[in-house]
Amino acid sequence: MATSLDLQTLEQYCETLYNPPNPSGRIQAESLLNYHFPTFSNTNGYNANGAGSESVQGVGHRVLGIRLLTAVATEMNLPGTKNVVKHRKAAVGFRDAQLLPIFQAALSMLQSVLQSQQSDPQTEKLKEALMLLMKACLAFDFIGSSYEDSSEDMGSLQIPTTWRPVFEESGYLDILWESWKTFASPVSVLVMECLSQAASIRRSLFSGDDSRHAYIYRFMQEIMQTLTTAAGQNKLQDLGNYHEFCRMLSRFKMTYQLSEVSGYKDIQQWLSAVGEFTAQGFLSWKVWRSL
């Protein structure tokens, strides 16, 4: 098992990974991450009791570890400048072997943080780091900047089939929506950005119509609740939340077909609520622009 790192050393390597002084420094930071990678990608690194694994003691270490993973996921997603084929091969290997475990670990830690109901400054940093990591994972170029032949999936997130259980069985949407309702801005804005990504995953990812409809209706239920309750309206008073909520609605509309949406039990009320929200948005654009 990899040896533990003290917080100061981990901070130094994290800074080197983000802002390398030279190529050799970046290579050294990447080697360190590879050495400790099994710890950071293990879903047991942060359990429901808030206990870190052996190499990730305390919230500070967890935040830095998550930032390292975010930096690696972001770096792997950048286009290669020298050896494009070699870079893409490395990115594909990272996608197939590491990206899903990283995302699952982030989701597990987010659920634990949500259950802990803590709101101290360190925990707020942890929330932000987790949301940035989840965003980086979902924004990964899974298919190398080309879309599948199926025209219905054009413009949607090309999530691999191996990720299907995350969206069908893990309570992913429940965790995200509850996080958005619970967390304060600006972290809640990051959560809504992830929800916007979740609203545009490819339709063909789901195992069948029933699972896809359940996913769609869960989204519609939360949208309806946001637009028709005082708590939802209060969240939308924040400009960042309002903007990302509008983006989420737009991506949801582009991804799923009217025949799928129309099966929702409260479709008439849902359409009325969304239509009224849209009209009010156009009427109040001058107010929002002045903020």
Protein backbone atom coordinates (compact mmCIF):
# COMPACT_ATOMS: atom_id res chain seq x y z
CA MET A 1 0.00 0.00 0.00
CA ALA A 2 1.21 3.53 -0.75
CA THR A 3 2.71 5.43 2.14
CA SER A 4 0.92 8.42 3.68
CA LEU A 5 1.69 11.98 2.69
CA ASP A 6 1.77 14.95 5.00
CA LEU A 7 -0.52 17.81 4.06
CA GLN A 8 2.27 20.24 3.11
CA THR A 9 3.87 17.79 0.68
CA LEU A 10 0.53 17.01 -0.93
CA GLU A 11 -0.15 20.74 -1.34
CA GLN A 12 3.19 21.19 -3.08
CA TYR A 13 2.53 18.39 -5.55
CA CYS A 14 -0.99 19.64 -6.16
CA GLU A 15 0.37 23.09 -7.03
CA THR A 16 3.00 21.53 -9.28
CA LEU A 17 0.35 19.56 -11.13
CA TYR A 18 -1.75 22.68 -11.72
CA ASN A 19 1.17 25.06 -12.47
CA PRO A 20 4.27 23.04 -13.40
CA PRO A 21 7.51 25.06 -13.40
CA ASN A 22 8.96 22.71 -16.00
CA PRO A 23 8.08 19.39 -17.71
CA SER A 24 10.10 17.34 -15.24
CA GLY A 25 8.17 18.84 -12.34
CA ARG A 26 4.89 17.85 -13.96
CA ILE A 27 6.16 14.32 -14.54
CA GLN A 28 7.19 14.06 -10.90
CA ALA A 29 3.74 15.20 -9.74
CA GLU A 30 2.03 12.72 -12.07
CA SER A 31 4.25 9.93 -10.75
CA LEU A 32 3.20 10.78 -7.23
CA LEU A 33 -0.46 10.68 -8.21
CA ASN A 34 0.00 7.31 -9.93
CA TYR A 35 1.63 6.00 -6.77
CA HIS A 36 -1.28 7.08 -4.56
CA PHE A 37 -4.01 6.64 -7.19
CA PRO A 38 -5.50 3.41 -5.76
CA THR A 39 -6.29 5.26 -2.54
CA PHE A 40 -7.91 8.25 -4.19
CA SER A 41 -9.98 6.16 -6.62
CA ASN A 42 -11.26 3.81 -3.93
CA THR A 43 -14.93 4.37 -3.07
CA ASN A 44 -14.08 3.50 0.53
CA GLY A 45 -11.88 6.59 0.86
CA TYR A 46 -14.73 8.48 2.52
CA ASN A 47 -17.43 6.49 4.23
CA ALA A 48 -20.76 7.45 5.73
CA ASN A 49 -19.12 8.15 9.07
CA GLY A 50 -16.77 10.69 7.50
CA ALA A 51 -13.66 8.59 8.12
CA GLY A 52 -10.88 8.93 5.57
CA SER A 53 -8.71 6.09 4.33
CA GLU A 54 -5.17 5.57 5.56
CA SER A 55 -3.59 7.99 3.05
CA VAL A 56 -6.33 10.63 3.20
CA GLN A 57 -6.49 11.84 6.79
CA GLY A 58 -8.83 14.76 7.39
CA VAL A 59 -10.86 16.99 5.14
CA GLY A 60 -7.80 18.94 3.99
CA HIS A 61 -6.18 15.83 2.53
CA ARG A 62 -9.43 14.79 0.89
CA VAL A 63 -9.84 18.19 -0.75
CA LEU A 64 -6.31 18.09 -2.14
CA GLY A 65 -6.72 14.50 -3.30
CA ILE A 66 -9.94 15.44 -5.11
CA ARG A 67 -8.26 18.43 -6.71
CA LEU A 68 -5.49 16.19 -7.95
CA LEU A 69 -8.01 13.86 -9.53
CA THR A 70 -9.79 16.83 -11.11
CA ALA A 71 -6.52 18.05 -12.57
CA VAL A 72 -5.75 14.62 -14.01
CA ALA A 73 -9.25 14.20 -15.49
CA THR A 74 -9.01 17.66 -17.03
CA GLU A 75 -5.51 17.03 -18.38
CA MET A 76 -6.52 13.70 -19.89
CA ASN A 77 -9.38 15.45 -21.66
CA LEU A 78 -7.16 18.02 -23.38
CA PRO A 79 -6.19 17.36 -27.01
CA GLY A 80 -2.66 16.17 -27.57
CA THR A 81 -0.26 18.63 -29.21
CA LYS A 82 2.69 16.40 -30.13
CA ASN A 83 1.90 12.71 -30.37
CA VAL A 84 -1.89 12.80 -30.83
CA VAL A 85 -2.30 9.04 -31.23
CA LYS A 86 -0.29 8.27 -28.09
CA HIS A 87 -2.17 10.89 -26.12
CA ARG A 88 -5.56 9.57 -27.22
CA LYS A 89 -4.49 6.03 -26.35
CA ALA A 90 -3.58 7.19 -22.85
CA ALA A 91 -6.90 9.08 -22.56
CA VAL A 92 -8.86 6.02 -23.63
CA GLY A 93 -7.02 3.86 -21.10
CA PHE A 94 -7.77 6.40 -18.38
CA ARG A 95 -11.42 6.54 -19.45
CA ASP A 96 -11.85 2.77 -19.43
CA ALA A 97 -9.93 1.96 -16.24
CA GLN A 98 -10.11 4.97 -13.91
CA LEU A 99 -12.77 7.54 -14.79
CA LEU A 100 -15.81 5.58 -13.63
CA PRO A 101 -14.26 4.59 -10.25
CA ILE A 102 -13.30 8.23 -9.73
CA PHE A 103 -16.83 9.38 -10.47
CA GLN A 104 -18.34 6.73 -8.22
CA ALA A 105 -15.98 7.74 -5.41
CA ALA A 106 -16.98 11.38 -5.81
CA LEU A 107 -20.67 10.47 -5.77
CA SER A 108 -20.20 8.35 -2.65
CA MET A 109 -18.33 11.14 -0.87
CA LEU A 110 -20.98 13.67 -1.90
CA GLN A 111 -23.68 11.49 -0.40
CA SER A 112 -21.68 11.19 2.82
CA VAL A 113 -21.14 14.95 3.02
CA LEU A 114 -24.84 15.49 2.39
CA GLN A 115 -25.77 13.12 5.21
CA SER A 116 -23.30 14.73 7.61
CA GLN A 117 -25.10 18.11 7.30
CA GLN A 118 -21.88 19.96 8.16
CA SER A 119 -21.30 23.50 6.89
CA ASP A 120 -17.91 24.57 8.23
CA PRO A 121 -15.40 26.23 5.84
CA GLN A 122 -13.41 23.04 5.23
CA THR A 123 -16.54 21.08 4.40
CA GLU A 124 -17.61 23.83 1.99
CA LYS A 125 -14.26 23.45 0.21
CA LEU A 126 -14.86 19.71 0.06
CA LYS A 127 -18.31 20.21 -1.47
CA GLU A 128 -16.90 22.54 -4.10
CA ALA A 129 -14.03 20.18 -4.93
CA LEU A 130 -16.41 17.23 -5.31
CA MET A 131 -18.72 19.11 -7.66
CA LEU A 132 -15.79 20.26 -9.80
CA LEU A 133 -14.55 16.67 -10.00
CA MET A 134 -17.96 15.35 -11.02
CA LYS A 135 -18.24 18.08 -13.66
CA ALA A 136 -14.83 17.16 -15.07
CA CYS A 137 -15.79 13.49 -15.25
CA LEU A 138 -19.08 14.13 -17.05
CA ALA A 139 -17.43 16.62 -19.43
CA PHE A 140 -14.87 14.03 -20.54
CA ASP A 141 -14.59 13.48 -24.30
CA PHE A 142 -15.71 9.86 -24.19
CA ILE A 143 -15.65 9.26 -27.94
CA GLY A 144 -12.87 11.47 -29.23
CA SER A 145 -14.90 14.46 -30.46
CA SER A 146 -17.06 12.42 -32.81
CA TYR A 147 -20.66 11.36 -32.37
CA GLU A 148 -22.33 8.03 -32.86
CA ASP A 149 -24.24 7.39 -36.05
CA SER A 150 -27.58 7.68 -34.26
CA SER A 151 -28.84 11.20 -35.00
CA GLU A 152 -31.00 11.23 -31.85
CA ASP A 153 -27.84 11.34 -29.73
CA MET A 154 -26.21 14.25 -31.52
CA GLY A 155 -25.15 16.92 -29.04
CA SER A 156 -25.82 14.78 -25.97
CA LEU A 157 -23.23 13.45 -23.53
CA GLN A 158 -21.90 10.17 -24.89
CA ILE A 159 -21.69 8.38 -21.56
CA PRO A 160 -20.35 4.79 -21.96
CA THR A 161 -22.68 1.86 -21.38
CA THR A 162 -20.52 0.76 -18.45
CA TRP A 163 -21.80 3.84 -16.59
CA ARG A 164 -25.43 2.73 -16.92
CA PRO A 165 -25.82 1.55 -13.28
CA VAL A 166 -24.81 5.02 -12.04
CA PHE A 167 -27.79 6.60 -13.77
CA GLU A 168 -30.27 3.77 -13.27
CA GLU A 169 -29.51 2.31 -9.85
CA SER A 170 -27.31 4.54 -7.69
CA GLY A 171 -29.80 7.26 -6.74
CA TYR A 172 -27.62 9.71 -8.66
CA LEU A 173 -30.40 12.19 -9.41
CA ASP A 174 -31.73 12.06 -5.85
CA ILE A 175 -28.28 12.90 -4.47
CA LEU A 176 -27.77 15.79 -6.89
CA TRP A 177 -31.20 17.36 -6.42
CA GLU A 178 -30.97 17.07 -2.64
CA SER A 179 -27.50 18.64 -2.78
CA TRP A 180 -28.85 21.53 -4.84
CA LYS A 181 -31.65 22.14 -2.34
CA THR A 182 -29.32 21.89 0.67
CA PHE A 183 -26.07 23.56 -0.40
CA ALA A 184 -25.68 27.33 -0.50
CA SER A 185 -24.42 29.33 -3.46
CA PRO A 186 -21.91 29.19 -5.11
CA VAL A 187 -21.69 25.41 -4.52
CA SER A 188 -25.36 25.00 -5.42
CA VAL A 189 -24.60 26.59 -8.79
CA LEU A 190 -22.00 23.88 -9.44
CA VAL A 191 -24.57 21.24 -8.50
CA MET A 192 -27.03 22.67 -11.03
CA GLU A 193 -24.28 22.58 -13.66
CA CYS A 194 -23.95 18.85 -12.98
CA LEU A 195 -27.72 18.51 -13.23
CA SER A 196 -27.56 20.30 -16.56
CA GLN A 197 -25.05 17.68 -17.71
CA ALA A 198 -27.27 14.92 -16.33
CA ALA A 199 -30.19 16.30 -18.32
CA SER A 200 -28.34 15.73 -21.58
CA ILE A 201 -26.96 12.20 -21.35
CA ARG A 202 -27.67 10.15 -24.46
CA ARG A 203 -31.07 8.52 -24.61
CA SER A 204 -29.64 5.20 -25.77
CA LEU A 205 -27.67 4.80 -22.53
CA PHE A 206 -30.68 3.37 -20.70
CA SER A 207 -31.43 -0.34 -20.73
CA GLY A 208 -35.03 0.17 -21.84
CA ASP A 209 -37.99 2.51 -22.10
CA ASP A 210 -39.05 2.00 -18.50
CA SER A 211 -35.71 3.04 -17.02
CA ARG A 212 -35.42 6.00 -19.39
CA HIS A 213 -38.94 7.18 -18.56
CA ALA A 214 -38.25 6.84 -14.84
CA TYR A 215 -35.17 9.04 -15.27
CA ILE A 216 -37.09 11.63 -17.29
CA TYR A 217 -40.04 11.73 -14.90
CA ARG A 218 -37.71 12.17 -11.92
CA PHE A 219 -36.28 15.25 -13.61
CA MET A 220 -39.74 16.58 -14.39
CA GLN A 221 -40.89 16.04 -10.82
CA GLU A 222 -38.01 18.08 -9.42
CA ILE A 223 -38.45 20.81 -12.03
CA MET A 224 -42.13 21.04 -11.13
CA GLN A 225 -41.34 21.21 -7.42
CA THR A 226 -38.76 23.94 -7.98
CA LEU A 227 -41.16 26.09 -9.98
CA THR A 228 -44.21 25.67 -7.72
CA THR A 229 -42.81 25.83 -4.17
CA ALA A 230 -41.51 28.72 -2.10
CA ALA A 231 -38.27 26.85 -1.40
CA GLY A 232 -37.64 26.38 -5.12
CA GLN A 233 -38.41 30.00 -5.90
CA ASN A 234 -36.02 31.11 -3.16
CA LYS A 235 -33.20 29.09 -4.71
CA LEU A 236 -33.88 30.71 -8.09
CA GLN A 237 -33.45 34.19 -6.59
CA ASP A 238 -29.72 33.58 -6.89
CA LEU A 239 -28.60 34.68 -10.34
CA GLY A 240 -26.19 31.77 -10.79
CA ASN A 241 -28.82 29.20 -9.86
CA TYR A 242 -31.37 30.89 -12.12
CA HIS A 243 -29.00 30.89 -15.10
CA GLU A 244 -27.97 27.25 -14.67
CA PHE A 245 -31.57 26.17 -14.10
CA CYS A 246 -32.47 27.76 -17.45
CA ARG A 247 -29.58 25.94 -19.11
CA MET A 248 -30.72 22.69 -17.55
CA LEU A 249 -34.25 23.17 -18.93
CA SER A 250 -32.85 23.93 -22.38
CA ARG A 251 -30.66 20.82 -22.45
CA PHE A 252 -33.48 18.68 -21.12
CA LYS A 253 -35.74 19.92 -23.93
CA MET A 254 -33.12 19.21 -26.60
CA THR A 255 -32.33 15.70 -25.35
CA TYR A 256 -35.71 14.06 -24.76
CA GLN A 257 -38.63 13.74 -27.14
CA LEU A 258 -42.14 15.09 -26.68
CA SER A 259 -43.56 11.56 -26.79
CA GLU A 260 -41.45 10.66 -23.75
CA VAL A 261 -42.21 13.82 -21.79
CA SER A 262 -45.95 13.62 -22.49
CA GLY A 263 -46.24 10.40 -20.49
CA TYR A 264 -45.63 12.27 -17.23
CA LYS A 265 -48.74 12.13 -15.04
CA ASP A 266 -48.86 15.91 -14.41
CA ILE A 267 -47.77 16.94 -17.90
CA GLN A 268 -50.34 19.76 -18.22
CA GLN A 269 -49.32 21.37 -14.93
CA TRP A 270 -45.66 20.86 -15.81
CA LEU A 271 -46.01 22.56 -19.20
CA SER A 272 -47.94 25.43 -17.62
CA ALA A 273 -45.30 25.93 -14.93
CA VAL A 274 -42.40 25.84 -17.39
CA GLY A 275 -44.24 28.10 -19.83
CA GLU A 276 -44.99 30.66 -17.13
CA PHE A 277 -41.40 30.53 -15.89
CA THR A 278 -40.13 31.11 -19.44
CA ALA A 279 -42.49 34.04 -20.03
CA GLN A 280 -41.52 35.66 -16.74
CA GLY A 281 -37.87 35.22 -17.63
CA PHE A 282 -38.31 37.13 -20.89
CA LEU A 283 -40.27 39.88 -19.13
CA SER A 284 -37.69 40.33 -16.37
CA TRP A 285 -34.50 40.14 -18.44
CA LYS A 286 -33.77 43.84 -17.83
CA VAL A 287 -33.87 43.28 -14.08
CA TRP A 288 -31.47 40.33 -14.32
CA ARG A 289 -29.12 42.27 -16.62
CA SER A 290 -28.78 45.06 -14.06
CA LEU A 291 -27.66 42.66 -11.30
